[in-house]
Amino acid sequence: MPAGVTWGQYLAFSSAAMLSMLAGSQLVHQHYLPLKNLQEFINKELKNLPDHVQAKIRSELKDEGILK
């Protein structure tokens, strides 16, 4: 193992690092709600595109279930 660390110490550290990373990302999603305004953001960005491109992208996003 690297730097003379035992397998047990290595696995314990890796597990703790993974758990803290998952907990941190969950906390960020609960606090900042990054996907709350996704519909508004998509619609705002689509307005900058030509009409025929907007229609194609909207239909694809509706098929995928991203836009309502």
PDB file of N, CA and C in Angstrom:
ATOM      1  N   MET A   1       0.846  -1.183   0.000  1.00  0.00           N
ATOM      2  CA  MET A   1       0.000   0.000   0.000  1.00  0.00           C
ATOM      3  C   MET A   1       0.891   1.246   0.000  1.00  0.00           C
ATOM      4  N   PRO A   2       0.328   2.350  -0.450  1.00  0.00           N
ATOM      5  CA  PRO A   2       1.121   3.575  -0.499  1.00  0.00           C
ATOM      6  C   PRO A   2       1.497   4.073   0.889  1.00  0.00           C
ATOM      7  N   ALA A   3       2.701   4.536   1.014  1.00  0.00           N
ATOM      8  CA  ALA A   3       3.222   5.152   2.237  1.00  0.00           C
ATOM      9  C   ALA A   3       3.166   4.227   3.438  1.00  0.00           C
ATOM     10  N   GLY A   4       3.201   2.929   3.236  1.00  0.00           N
ATOM     11  CA  GLY A   4       3.245   1.987   4.345  1.00  0.00           C
ATOM     12  C   GLY A   4       1.956   1.905   5.158  1.00  0.00           C
ATOM     13  N   VAL A   5       0.828   2.239   4.567  1.00  0.00           N
ATOM     14  CA  VAL A   5      -0.455   2.194   5.267  1.00  0.00           C
ATOM     15  C   VAL A   5      -1.050   0.798   5.097  1.00  0.00           C
ATOM     16  N   THR A   6      -1.658   0.292   6.142  1.00  0.00           N
ATOM     17  CA  THR A   6      -2.252  -1.048   6.063  1.00  0.00           C
ATOM     18  C   THR A   6      -3.549  -0.992   5.258  1.00  0.00           C
ATOM     19  N   TRP A   7      -3.986  -2.176   4.832  1.00  0.00           N
ATOM     20  CA  TRP A   7      -5.231  -2.255   4.069  1.00  0.00           C
ATOM     21  C   TRP A   7      -6.414  -1.741   4.885  1.00  0.00           C
ATOM     22  N   GLY A   8      -6.446  -2.054   6.153  1.00  0.00           N
ATOM     23  CA  GLY A   8      -7.540  -1.606   7.006  1.00  0.00           C
ATOM     24  C   GLY A   8      -7.612  -0.088   7.105  1.00  0.00           C
ATOM     25  N   GLN A   9      -6.457   0.535   7.317  1.00  0.00           N
ATOM     26  CA  GLN A   9      -6.421   1.999   7.387  1.00  0.00           C
ATOM     27  C   GLN A   9      -6.802   2.613   6.047  1.00  0.00           C
ATOM     28  N   TYR A  10      -6.318   2.016   4.980  1.00  0.00           N
ATOM     29  CA  TYR A  10      -6.615   2.524   3.639  1.00  0.00           C
ATOM     30  C   TYR A  10      -8.113   2.437   3.345  1.00  0.00           C
ATOM     31  N   LEU A  11      -8.722   1.291   3.653  1.00  0.00           N
ATOM     32  CA  LEU A  11     -10.151   1.121   3.411  1.00  0.00           C
ATOM     33  C   LEU A  11     -10.987   2.025   4.317  1.00  0.00           C
ATOM     34  N   ALA A  12     -10.575   2.208   5.563  1.00  0.00           N
ATOM     35  CA  ALA A  12     -11.306   3.082   6.476  1.00  0.00           C
ATOM     36  C   ALA A  12     -11.259   4.522   5.978  1.00  0.00           C
ATOM     37  N   PHE A  13     -10.097   4.971   5.559  1.00  0.00           N
ATOM     38  CA  PHE A  13      -9.967   6.333   5.042  1.00  0.00           C
ATOM     39  C   PHE A  13     -10.774   6.515   3.765  1.00  0.00           C
ATOM     40  N   SER A  14     -10.702   5.546   2.864  1.00  0.00           N
ATOM     41  CA  SER A  14     -11.443   5.631   1.605  1.00  0.00           C
ATOM     42  C   SER A  14     -12.948   5.660   1.850  1.00  0.00           C
ATOM     43  N   SER A  15     -13.405   4.840   2.786  1.00  0.00           N
ATOM     44  CA  SER A  15     -14.831   4.815   3.112  1.00  0.00           C
ATOM     45  C   SER A  15     -15.277   6.144   3.724  1.00  0.00           C
ATOM     46  N   ALA A  16     -14.490   6.678   4.635  1.00  0.00           N
ATOM     47  CA  ALA A  16     -14.828   7.960   5.254  1.00  0.00           C
ATOM     48  C   ALA A  16     -14.830   9.082   4.214  1.00  0.00           C
ATOM     49  N   ALA A  17     -13.879   9.053   3.303  1.00  0.00           N
ATOM     50  CA  ALA A  17     -13.820  10.072   2.254  1.00  0.00           C
ATOM     51  C   ALA A  17     -15.034   9.975   1.344  1.00  0.00           C
ATOM     52  N   MET A  18     -15.430   8.770   0.970  1.00  0.00           N
ATOM     53  CA  MET A  18     -16.591   8.577   0.104  1.00  0.00           C
ATOM     54  C   MET A  18     -17.873   9.026   0.798  1.00  0.00           C
ATOM     55  N   LEU A  19     -18.047   8.655   2.047  1.00  0.00           N
ATOM     56  CA  LEU A  19     -19.248   9.047   2.790  1.00  0.00           C
ATOM     57  C   LEU A  19     -19.335  10.561   2.966  1.00  0.00           C
ATOM     58  N   SER A  20     -18.215  11.204   3.264  1.00  0.00           N
ATOM     59  CA  SER A  20     -18.248  12.661   3.433  1.00  0.00           C
ATOM     60  C   SER A  20     -18.522  13.352   2.101  1.00  0.00           C
ATOM     61  N   MET A  21     -18.027  12.806   1.009  1.00  0.00           N
ATOM     62  CA  MET A  21     -18.288  13.378  -0.302  1.00  0.00           C
ATOM     63  C   MET A  21     -19.772  13.252  -0.658  1.00  0.00           C
ATOM     64  N   LEU A  22     -20.358  12.098  -0.421  1.00  0.00           N
ATOM     65  CA  LEU A  22     -21.774  11.898  -0.708  1.00  0.00           C
ATOM     66  C   LEU A  22     -22.652  12.771   0.183  1.00  0.00           C
ATOM     67  N   ALA A  23     -22.309  12.858   1.461  1.00  0.00           N
ATOM     68  CA  ALA A  23     -23.085  13.699   2.377  1.00  0.00           C
ATOM     69  C   ALA A  23     -22.974  15.171   1.983  1.00  0.00           C
ATOM     70  N   GLY A  24     -21.805  15.609   1.571  1.00  0.00           N
ATOM     71  CA  GLY A  24     -21.614  16.989   1.161  1.00  0.00           C
ATOM     72  C   GLY A  24     -22.408  17.334  -0.076  1.00  0.00           C
ATOM     73  N   SER A  25     -22.427  16.450  -1.055  1.00  0.00           N
ATOM     74  CA  SER A  25     -23.198  16.737  -2.267  1.00  0.00           C
ATOM     75  C   SER A  25     -24.691  16.744  -1.972  1.00  0.00           C
ATOM     76  N   GLN A  26     -25.141  15.870  -1.090  1.00  0.00           N
ATOM     77  CA  GLN A  26     -26.552  15.862  -0.711  1.00  0.00           C
ATOM     78  C   GLN A  26     -26.922  17.151   0.021  1.00  0.00           C
ATOM     79  N   LEU A  27     -26.049  17.605   0.888  1.00  0.00           N
ATOM     80  CA  LEU A  27     -26.284  18.846   1.631  1.00  0.00           C
ATOM     81  C   LEU A  27     -26.380  20.041   0.685  1.00  0.00           C
ATOM     82  N   VAL A  28     -25.494  20.096  -0.293  1.00  0.00           N
ATOM     83  CA  VAL A  28     -25.519  21.192  -1.260  1.00  0.00           C
ATOM     84  C   VAL A  28     -26.832  21.173  -2.045  1.00  0.00           C
ATOM     85  N   HIS A  29     -27.281  19.996  -2.470  1.00  0.00           N
ATOM     86  CA  HIS A  29     -28.527  19.916  -3.232  1.00  0.00           C
ATOM     87  C   HIS A  29     -29.730  20.303  -2.381  1.00  0.00           C
ATOM     88  N   GLN A  30     -29.715  19.989  -1.116  1.00  0.00           N
ATOM     89  CA  GLN A  30     -30.840  20.346  -0.252  1.00  0.00           C
ATOM     90  C   GLN A  30     -30.832  21.827   0.096  1.00  0.00           C
ATOM     91  N   HIS A  31     -29.670  22.417   0.220  1.00  0.00           N
ATOM     92  CA  HIS A  31     -29.579  23.816   0.616  1.00  0.00           C
ATOM     93  C   HIS A  31     -29.774  24.768  -0.569  1.00  0.00           C
ATOM     94  N   TYR A  32     -29.058  24.535  -1.665  1.00  0.00           N
ATOM     95  CA  TYR A  32     -29.085  25.458  -2.796  1.00  0.00           C
ATOM     96  C   TYR A  32     -30.158  25.132  -3.833  1.00  0.00           C
ATOM     97  N   LEU A  33     -30.713  23.924  -3.817  1.00  0.00           N
ATOM     98  CA  LEU A  33     -31.749  23.496  -4.757  1.00  0.00           C
ATOM     99  C   LEU A  33     -31.382  23.825  -6.207  1.00  0.00           C
ATOM    100  N   PRO A  34     -30.302  23.255  -6.726  1.00  0.00           N
ATOM    101  CA  PRO A  34     -29.811  23.646  -8.043  1.00  0.00           C
ATOM    102  C   PRO A  34     -30.753  23.307  -9.195  1.00  0.00           C
ATOM    103  N   LEU A  35     -31.644  22.344  -9.048  1.00  0.00           N
ATOM    104  CA  LEU A  35     -32.519  21.975 -10.145  1.00  0.00           C
ATOM    105  C   LEU A  35     -33.912  22.570 -10.022  1.00  0.00           C
ATOM    106  N   LYS A  36     -34.118  23.431  -9.042  1.00  0.00           N
ATOM    107  CA  LYS A  36     -35.443  23.997  -8.804  1.00  0.00           C
ATOM    108  C   LYS A  36     -35.908  24.859  -9.973  1.00  0.00           C
ATOM    109  N   ASN A  37     -35.043  25.643 -10.545  1.00  0.00           N
ATOM    110  CA  ASN A  37     -35.424  26.548 -11.632  1.00  0.00           C
ATOM    111  C   ASN A  37     -34.898  26.068 -12.985  1.00  0.00           C
ATOM    112  N   LEU A  38     -34.762  24.791 -13.167  1.00  0.00           N
ATOM    113  CA  LEU A  38     -34.225  24.254 -14.422  1.00  0.00           C
ATOM    114  C   LEU A  38     -35.120  24.607 -15.604  1.00  0.00           C
ATOM    115  N   GLN A  39     -36.450  24.516 -15.433  1.00  0.00           N
ATOM    116  CA  GLN A  39     -37.377  24.838 -16.520  1.00  0.00           C
ATOM    117  C   GLN A  39     -37.201  26.291 -16.973  1.00  0.00           C
ATOM    118  N   GLU A  40     -37.110  27.210 -16.015  1.00  0.00           N
ATOM    119  CA  GLU A  40     -36.945  28.627 -16.346  1.00  0.00           C
ATOM    120  C   GLU A  40     -35.626  28.869 -17.079  1.00  0.00           C
ATOM    121  N   PHE A  41     -34.563  28.224 -16.607  1.00  0.00           N
ATOM    122  CA  PHE A  41     -33.249  28.402 -17.219  1.00  0.00           C
ATOM    123  C   PHE A  41     -33.248  27.890 -18.660  1.00  0.00           C
ATOM    124  N   ILE A  42     -33.839  26.734 -18.892  1.00  0.00           N
ATOM    125  CA  ILE A  42     -33.885  26.168 -20.243  1.00  0.00           C
ATOM    126  C   ILE A  42     -34.681  27.084 -21.164  1.00  0.00           C
ATOM    127  N   ASN A  43     -35.849  27.544 -20.703  1.00  0.00           N
ATOM    128  CA  ASN A  43     -36.673  28.430 -21.535  1.00  0.00           C
ATOM    129  C   ASN A  43     -35.959  29.738 -21.851  1.00  0.00           C
ATOM    130  N   LYS A  44     -35.250  30.289 -20.881  1.00  0.00           N
ATOM    131  CA  LYS A  44     -34.515  31.540 -21.103  1.00  0.00           C
ATOM    132  C   LYS A  44     -33.410  31.348 -22.145  1.00  0.00           C
ATOM    133  N   GLU A  45     -32.699  30.244 -22.061  1.00  0.00           N
ATOM    134  CA  GLU A  45     -31.617  29.982 -23.012  1.00  0.00           C
ATOM    135  C   GLU A  45     -32.154  29.652 -24.404  1.00  0.00           C
ATOM    136  N   LEU A  46     -33.310  28.991 -24.479  1.00  0.00           N
ATOM    137  CA  LEU A  46     -33.869  28.654 -25.787  1.00  0.00           C
ATOM    138  C   LEU A  46     -34.341  29.891 -26.546  1.00  0.00           C
ATOM    139  N   LYS A  47     -34.697  30.955 -25.843  1.00  0.00           N
ATOM    140  CA  LYS A  47     -35.152  32.178 -26.502  1.00  0.00           C
ATOM    141  C   LYS A  47     -34.057  32.816 -27.344  1.00  0.00           C
ATOM    142  N   ASN A  48     -32.802  32.489 -27.073  1.00  0.00           N
ATOM    143  CA  ASN A  48     -31.682  33.045 -27.831  1.00  0.00           C
ATOM    144  C   ASN A  48     -31.440  32.309 -29.150  1.00  0.00           C
ATOM    145  N   LEU A  49     -32.157  31.221 -29.389  1.00  0.00           N
ATOM    146  CA  LEU A  49     -31.944  30.413 -30.583  1.00  0.00           C
ATOM    147  C   LEU A  49     -33.027  30.696 -31.624  1.00  0.00           C
ATOM    148  N   PRO A  50     -32.757  30.376 -32.886  1.00  0.00           N
ATOM    149  CA  PRO A  50     -33.793  30.538 -33.928  1.00  0.00           C
ATOM    150  C   PRO A  50     -35.002  29.640 -33.634  1.00  0.00           C
ATOM    151  N   ASP A  51     -36.162  30.013 -34.204  1.00  0.00           N
ATOM    152  CA  ASP A  51     -37.416  29.311 -33.903  1.00  0.00           C
ATOM    153  C   ASP A  51     -37.378  27.830 -34.270  1.00  0.00           C
ATOM    154  N   HIS A  52     -36.820  27.494 -35.436  1.00  0.00           N
ATOM    155  CA  HIS A  52     -36.815  26.087 -35.847  1.00  0.00           C
ATOM    156  C   HIS A  52     -35.919  25.242 -34.933  1.00  0.00           C
ATOM    157  N   VAL A  53     -34.857  25.827 -34.424  1.00  0.00           N
ATOM    158  CA  VAL A  53     -33.970  25.113 -33.501  1.00  0.00           C
ATOM    159  C   VAL A  53     -34.656  24.965 -32.143  1.00  0.00           C
ATOM    160  N   GLN A  54     -35.352  26.028 -31.716  1.00  0.00           N
ATOM    161  CA  GLN A  54     -36.093  25.968 -30.444  1.00  0.00           C
ATOM    162  C   GLN A  54     -37.104  24.830 -30.461  1.00  0.00           C
ATOM    163  N   ALA A  55     -37.855  24.733 -31.545  1.00  0.00           N
ATOM    164  CA  ALA A  55     -38.895  23.705 -31.645  1.00  0.00           C
ATOM    165  C   ALA A  55     -38.286  22.312 -31.575  1.00  0.00           C
ATOM    166  N   LYS A  56     -37.173  22.109 -32.265  1.00  0.00           N
ATOM    167  CA  LYS A  56     -36.531  20.790 -32.269  1.00  0.00           C
ATOM    168  C   LYS A  56     -36.016  20.436 -30.876  1.00  0.00           C
ATOM    169  N   ILE A  57     -35.353  21.370 -30.222  1.00  0.00           N
ATOM    170  CA  ILE A  57     -34.797  21.107 -28.892  1.00  0.00           C
ATOM    171  C   ILE A  57     -35.919  20.892 -27.886  1.00  0.00           C
ATOM    172  N   ARG A  58     -36.976  21.705 -27.959  1.00  0.00           N
ATOM    173  CA  ARG A  58     -38.109  21.530 -27.030  1.00  0.00           C
ATOM    174  C   ARG A  58     -38.742  20.159 -27.187  1.00  0.00           C
ATOM    175  N   SER A  59     -38.922  19.708 -28.435  1.00  0.00           N
ATOM    176  CA  SER A  59     -39.541  18.393 -28.647  1.00  0.00           C
ATOM    177  C   SER A  59     -38.643  17.279 -28.104  1.00  0.00           C
ATOM    178  N   GLU A  60     -37.326  17.409 -28.299  1.00  0.00           N
ATOM    179  CA  GLU A  60     -36.401  16.394 -27.778  1.00  0.00           C
ATOM    180  C   GLU A  60     -36.412  16.367 -26.251  1.00  0.00           C
ATOM    181  N   LEU A  61     -36.434  17.553 -25.625  1.00  0.00           N
ATOM    182  CA  LEU A  61     -36.446  17.613 -24.165  1.00  0.00           C
ATOM    183  C   LEU A  61     -37.764  17.110 -23.592  1.00  0.00           C
ATOM    184  N   LYS A  62     -38.869  17.326 -24.304  1.00  0.00           N
ATOM    185  CA  LYS A  62     -40.155  16.806 -23.849  1.00  0.00           C
ATOM    186  C   LYS A  62     -40.174  15.284 -23.967  1.00  0.00           C
ATOM    187  N   ASP A  63     -39.598  14.750 -25.046  1.00  0.00           N
ATOM    188  CA  ASP A  63     -39.529  13.295 -25.211  1.00  0.00           C
ATOM    189  C   ASP A  63     -38.703  12.642 -24.099  1.00  0.00           C
ATOM    190  N   GLU A  64     -37.658  13.334 -23.680  1.00  0.00           N
ATOM    191  CA  GLU A  64     -36.790  12.809 -22.609  1.00  0.00           C
ATOM    192  C   GLU A  64     -37.367  13.039 -21.234  1.00  0.00           C
ATOM    193  N   GLY A  65     -38.430  13.851 -21.126  1.00  0.00           N
ATOM    194  CA  GLY A  65     -39.057  14.110 -19.847  1.00  0.00           C
ATOM    195  C   GLY A  65     -38.416  15.230 -19.043  1.00  0.00           C
ATOM    196  N   ILE A  66     -37.584  16.021 -19.669  1.00  0.00           N
ATOM    197  CA  ILE A  66     -36.916  17.121 -18.976  1.00  0.00           C
ATOM    198  C   ILE A  66     -37.813  18.345 -18.930  1.00  0.00           C
ATOM    199  N   LEU A  67     -38.451  18.661 -20.062  1.00  0.00           N
ATOM    200  CA  LEU A  67     -39.390  19.777 -20.116  1.00  0.00           C
ATOM    201  C   LEU A  67     -40.812  19.242 -20.008  1.00  0.00           C
ATOM    202  N   LYS A  68     -41.666  20.057 -19.447  1.00  0.00           N
ATOM    203  CA  LYS A  68     -43.072  19.649 -19.339  1.00  0.00           C
ATOM    204  C   LYS A  68     -43.889  20.270 -20.429  1.00  0.00           C
TER     205      LYS A  68
END
